Amino acid sequence: MSITIDNAEVEALLADLTATTHRAAPDLLLELLRRERERVEDEAERRIAEGLAADEAMRRRLSAGSIDEIPAYDENGLPV
C-alpha cells in the first residue's frame, strides 16, 4: 500500500525525524501509529474503568440507602 502525504508540515517533520534518528520513514511512521493506537486504547480502558468505578460507587450509595440527593437527568438521559 502506498500513502501520499500532501501536507508540508508533515513532510518537514518526517524529514527532520528521519535525518535525526537515521531511521527510514516507514519505520518511524509505523512506530508512531502503534504508539497512537496504544494511547487511544489506554484512554478507552481508563474511561471504562472510571465509568465502572462511578457505577460501583452509585450502587454502594443506593444499597446503603444514604443518597443525599436524587440524581437529575438532562434531555439525553445523562446525569447532570
N, C-alpha and C. Protein backbone atom coordinates (compact mmCIF):
# COMPACT_ATOMS: atom_id res chain seq x y z
N MET A 1 0.84 -1.17 0.00
CA MET A 1 0.00 0.00 0.00
C MET A 1 0.89 1.23 0.00
N SER A 2 0.46 2.21 -0.71
CA SER A 2 1.21 3.45 -0.81
C SER A 2 0.39 4.58 -0.18
N ILE A 3 1.09 5.46 0.52
CA ILE A 3 0.44 6.61 1.15
C ILE A 3 1.04 7.88 0.57
N THR A 4 0.17 8.78 0.16
CA THR A 4 0.62 10.07 -0.32
C THR A 4 0.33 11.11 0.75
N ILE A 5 1.35 11.83 1.14
CA ILE A 5 1.18 12.87 2.15
C ILE A 5 1.28 14.22 1.45
N ASP A 6 0.18 14.94 1.49
CA ASP A 6 0.13 16.24 0.83
C ASP A 6 0.01 17.33 1.90
N ASN A 7 1.00 17.34 2.80
CA ASN A 7 1.00 18.30 3.90
C ASN A 7 2.45 18.68 4.17
N ALA A 8 2.77 19.92 3.94
CA ALA A 8 4.16 20.38 4.07
C ALA A 8 4.71 20.20 5.48
N GLU A 9 3.89 20.45 6.48
CA GLU A 9 4.38 20.30 7.86
C GLU A 9 4.68 18.84 8.18
N VAL A 10 3.82 17.94 7.76
CA VAL A 10 4.05 16.51 7.98
C VAL A 10 5.33 16.08 7.28
N GLU A 11 5.47 16.49 6.05
CA GLU A 11 6.67 16.13 5.28
C GLU A 11 7.93 16.68 5.93
N ALA A 12 7.88 17.91 6.43
CA ALA A 12 9.04 18.52 7.08
C ALA A 12 9.38 17.81 8.39
N LEU A 13 8.36 17.50 9.19
CA LEU A 13 8.60 16.80 10.44
C LEU A 13 9.17 15.40 10.20
N LEU A 14 8.62 14.72 9.21
CA LEU A 14 9.10 13.38 8.89
C LEU A 14 10.54 13.43 8.40
N ALA A 15 10.85 14.40 7.56
CA ALA A 15 12.23 14.54 7.06
C ALA A 15 13.19 14.84 8.21
N ASP A 16 12.76 15.71 9.13
CA ASP A 16 13.59 16.04 10.28
C ASP A 16 13.83 14.81 11.15
N LEU A 17 12.78 14.05 11.40
CA LEU A 17 12.94 12.84 12.23
C LEU A 17 13.79 11.78 11.55
N THR A 18 13.62 11.60 10.27
CA THR A 18 14.45 10.60 9.58
C THR A 18 15.91 11.01 9.60
N ALA A 19 16.18 12.30 9.45
CA ALA A 19 17.56 12.78 9.49
C ALA A 19 18.15 12.67 10.90
N THR A 20 17.34 13.00 11.89
CA THR A 20 17.81 12.98 13.27
C THR A 20 18.02 11.57 13.79
N THR A 21 17.09 10.69 13.48
CA THR A 21 17.14 9.33 14.03
C THR A 21 17.86 8.33 13.13
N HIS A 22 18.09 8.72 11.88
CA HIS A 22 18.70 7.82 10.88
C HIS A 22 17.86 6.56 10.68
N ARG A 23 16.55 6.75 10.77
CA ARG A 23 15.62 5.64 10.55
C ARG A 23 14.81 5.93 9.30
N ALA A 24 14.34 4.89 8.68
CA ALA A 24 13.53 5.03 7.47
C ALA A 24 12.15 5.58 7.83
N ALA A 25 11.60 6.36 6.93
CA ALA A 25 10.29 6.97 7.15
C ALA A 25 9.21 5.92 7.46
N PRO A 26 9.13 4.81 6.73
CA PRO A 26 8.09 3.82 7.06
C PRO A 26 8.23 3.27 8.48
N ASP A 27 9.48 3.08 8.94
CA ASP A 27 9.69 2.58 10.30
C ASP A 27 9.22 3.60 11.33
N LEU A 28 9.54 4.87 11.10
CA LEU A 28 9.09 5.92 12.01
C LEU A 28 7.58 6.02 12.04
N LEU A 29 6.97 6.02 10.87
CA LEU A 29 5.51 6.12 10.80
C LEU A 29 4.84 4.93 11.48
N LEU A 30 5.37 3.73 11.29
CA LEU A 30 4.81 2.55 11.92
C LEU A 30 4.88 2.67 13.44
N GLU A 31 6.03 3.10 13.95
CA GLU A 31 6.18 3.25 15.40
C GLU A 31 5.22 4.31 15.94
N LEU A 32 5.10 5.43 15.25
CA LEU A 32 4.19 6.49 15.70
C LEU A 32 2.74 6.03 15.68
N LEU A 33 2.36 5.31 14.65
CA LEU A 33 0.99 4.80 14.57
C LEU A 33 0.71 3.79 15.67
N ARG A 34 1.66 2.93 15.96
CA ARG A 34 1.49 1.96 17.05
C ARG A 34 1.35 2.67 18.39
N ARG A 35 2.17 3.69 18.62
CA ARG A 35 2.07 4.45 19.87
C ARG A 35 0.72 5.13 20.00
N GLU A 36 0.24 5.71 18.90
CA GLU A 36 -1.05 6.39 18.94
C GLU A 36 -2.18 5.39 19.20
N ARG A 37 -2.12 4.23 18.56
CA ARG A 37 -3.14 3.21 18.79
C ARG A 37 -3.13 2.79 20.26
N GLU A 38 -1.95 2.58 20.83
CA GLU A 38 -1.84 2.20 22.24
C GLU A 38 -2.39 3.30 23.14
N ARG A 39 -2.09 4.57 22.81
CA ARG A 39 -2.60 5.69 23.61
C ARG A 39 -4.12 5.72 23.58
N VAL A 40 -4.69 5.54 22.39
CA VAL A 40 -6.15 5.56 22.25
C VAL A 40 -6.78 4.40 23.02
N GLU A 41 -6.18 3.21 22.92
CA GLU A 41 -6.70 2.06 23.64
C GLU A 41 -6.59 2.26 25.16
N ASP A 42 -5.47 2.81 25.62
CA ASP A 42 -5.29 3.09 27.05
C ASP A 42 -6.32 4.09 27.54
N GLU A 43 -6.58 5.11 26.74
CA GLU A 43 -7.58 6.12 27.10
C GLU A 43 -8.96 5.50 27.20
N ALA A 44 -9.29 4.63 26.26
CA ALA A 44 -10.60 3.97 26.29
C ALA A 44 -10.71 3.09 27.52
N GLU A 45 -9.66 2.34 27.83
CA GLU A 45 -9.67 1.49 29.02
C GLU A 45 -9.81 2.32 30.29
N ARG A 46 -9.14 3.47 30.34
CA ARG A 46 -9.21 4.34 31.51
C ARG A 46 -10.64 4.87 31.69
N ARG A 47 -11.25 5.28 30.59
CA ARG A 47 -12.62 5.81 30.67
C ARG A 47 -13.61 4.72 31.09
N ILE A 48 -13.41 3.52 30.60
CA ILE A 48 -14.28 2.41 31.01
C ILE A 48 -14.11 2.14 32.49
N ALA A 49 -12.86 2.12 32.97
CA ALA A 49 -12.60 1.88 34.39
C ALA A 49 -13.22 2.97 35.25
N GLU A 50 -13.12 4.22 34.81
CA GLU A 50 -13.73 5.33 35.56
C GLU A 50 -15.25 5.17 35.61
N GLY A 51 -15.84 4.79 34.50
CA GLY A 51 -17.29 4.59 34.45
C GLY A 51 -17.73 3.46 35.36
N LEU A 52 -16.97 2.37 35.36
CA LEU A 52 -17.30 1.24 36.23
C LEU A 52 -17.16 1.63 37.70
N ALA A 53 -16.12 2.41 38.02
CA ALA A 53 -15.92 2.84 39.40
C ALA A 53 -17.07 3.76 39.84
N ALA A 54 -17.48 4.67 38.97
CA ALA A 54 -18.59 5.55 39.30
C ALA A 54 -19.88 4.76 39.49
N ASP A 55 -20.08 3.76 38.64
CA ASP A 55 -21.26 2.91 38.74
C ASP A 55 -21.25 2.15 40.07
N GLU A 56 -20.11 1.63 40.42
CA GLU A 56 -19.99 0.89 41.68
C GLU A 56 -20.24 1.80 42.88
N ALA A 57 -19.72 3.03 42.82
CA ALA A 57 -19.94 3.97 43.91
C ALA A 57 -21.43 4.29 44.05
N MET A 58 -22.12 4.46 42.93
CA MET A 58 -23.55 4.74 42.99
C MET A 58 -24.31 3.54 43.55
N ARG A 59 -23.91 2.34 43.15
CA ARG A 59 -24.57 1.13 43.68
C ARG A 59 -24.40 1.05 45.20
N ARG A 60 -23.20 1.38 45.67
CA ARG A 60 -22.96 1.33 47.12
C ARG A 60 -23.83 2.35 47.85
N ARG A 61 -23.94 3.55 47.28
CA ARG A 61 -24.79 4.56 47.91
C ARG A 61 -26.25 4.12 47.91
N LEU A 62 -26.69 3.53 46.81
CA LEU A 62 -28.07 3.07 46.73
C LEU A 62 -28.33 1.95 47.73
N SER A 63 -27.41 1.00 47.81
CA SER A 63 -27.62 -0.12 48.73
C SER A 63 -27.51 0.31 50.18
N ALA A 64 -26.76 1.36 50.45
CA ALA A 64 -26.64 1.86 51.82
C ALA A 64 -27.85 2.70 52.21
N GLY A 65 -28.64 3.10 51.22
CA GLY A 65 -29.83 3.88 51.49
C GLY A 65 -29.53 5.29 51.97
N SER A 66 -28.36 5.80 51.59
CA SER A 66 -27.99 7.13 52.08
C SER A 66 -27.73 8.10 50.94
N ILE A 67 -28.61 8.09 49.99
CA ILE A 67 -28.45 9.04 48.90
C ILE A 67 -28.87 10.41 49.40
N ASP A 68 -27.99 11.37 49.26
CA ASP A 68 -28.26 12.71 49.74
C ASP A 68 -29.14 13.51 48.78
N GLU A 69 -29.13 13.12 47.54
CA GLU A 69 -29.91 13.86 46.55
C GLU A 69 -30.40 12.90 45.49
N ILE A 70 -31.45 13.28 44.83
CA ILE A 70 -31.98 12.47 43.73
C ILE A 70 -31.27 12.93 42.47
N PRO A 71 -30.65 12.00 41.74
CA PRO A 71 -29.94 12.40 40.52
C PRO A 71 -30.90 13.00 39.50
N ALA A 72 -30.45 14.07 38.86
CA ALA A 72 -31.23 14.72 37.80
C ALA A 72 -30.63 14.30 36.46
N TYR A 73 -31.46 14.27 35.45
CA TYR A 73 -31.02 13.85 34.12
C TYR A 73 -31.37 14.91 33.10
N ASP A 74 -30.50 15.04 32.09
CA ASP A 74 -30.76 16.01 31.03
C ASP A 74 -31.65 15.40 29.95
N GLU A 75 -31.88 16.13 28.87
CA GLU A 75 -32.78 15.66 27.81
C GLU A 75 -32.26 14.43 27.08
N ASN A 76 -30.97 14.10 27.25
CA ASN A 76 -30.39 12.91 26.64
C ASN A 76 -30.34 11.74 27.60
N GLY A 77 -30.89 11.92 28.79
CA GLY A 77 -30.90 10.84 29.77
C GLY A 77 -29.59 10.70 30.53
N LEU A 78 -28.73 11.71 30.45
CA LEU A 78 -27.45 11.67 31.15
C LEU A 78 -27.55 12.43 32.46
N PRO A 79 -26.86 11.95 33.50
CA PRO A 79 -26.90 12.66 34.78
C PRO A 79 -26.29 14.06 34.65
N VAL A 80 -26.88 15.00 35.36
CA VAL A 80 -26.35 16.37 35.36
C VAL A 80 -25.75 16.71 36.70
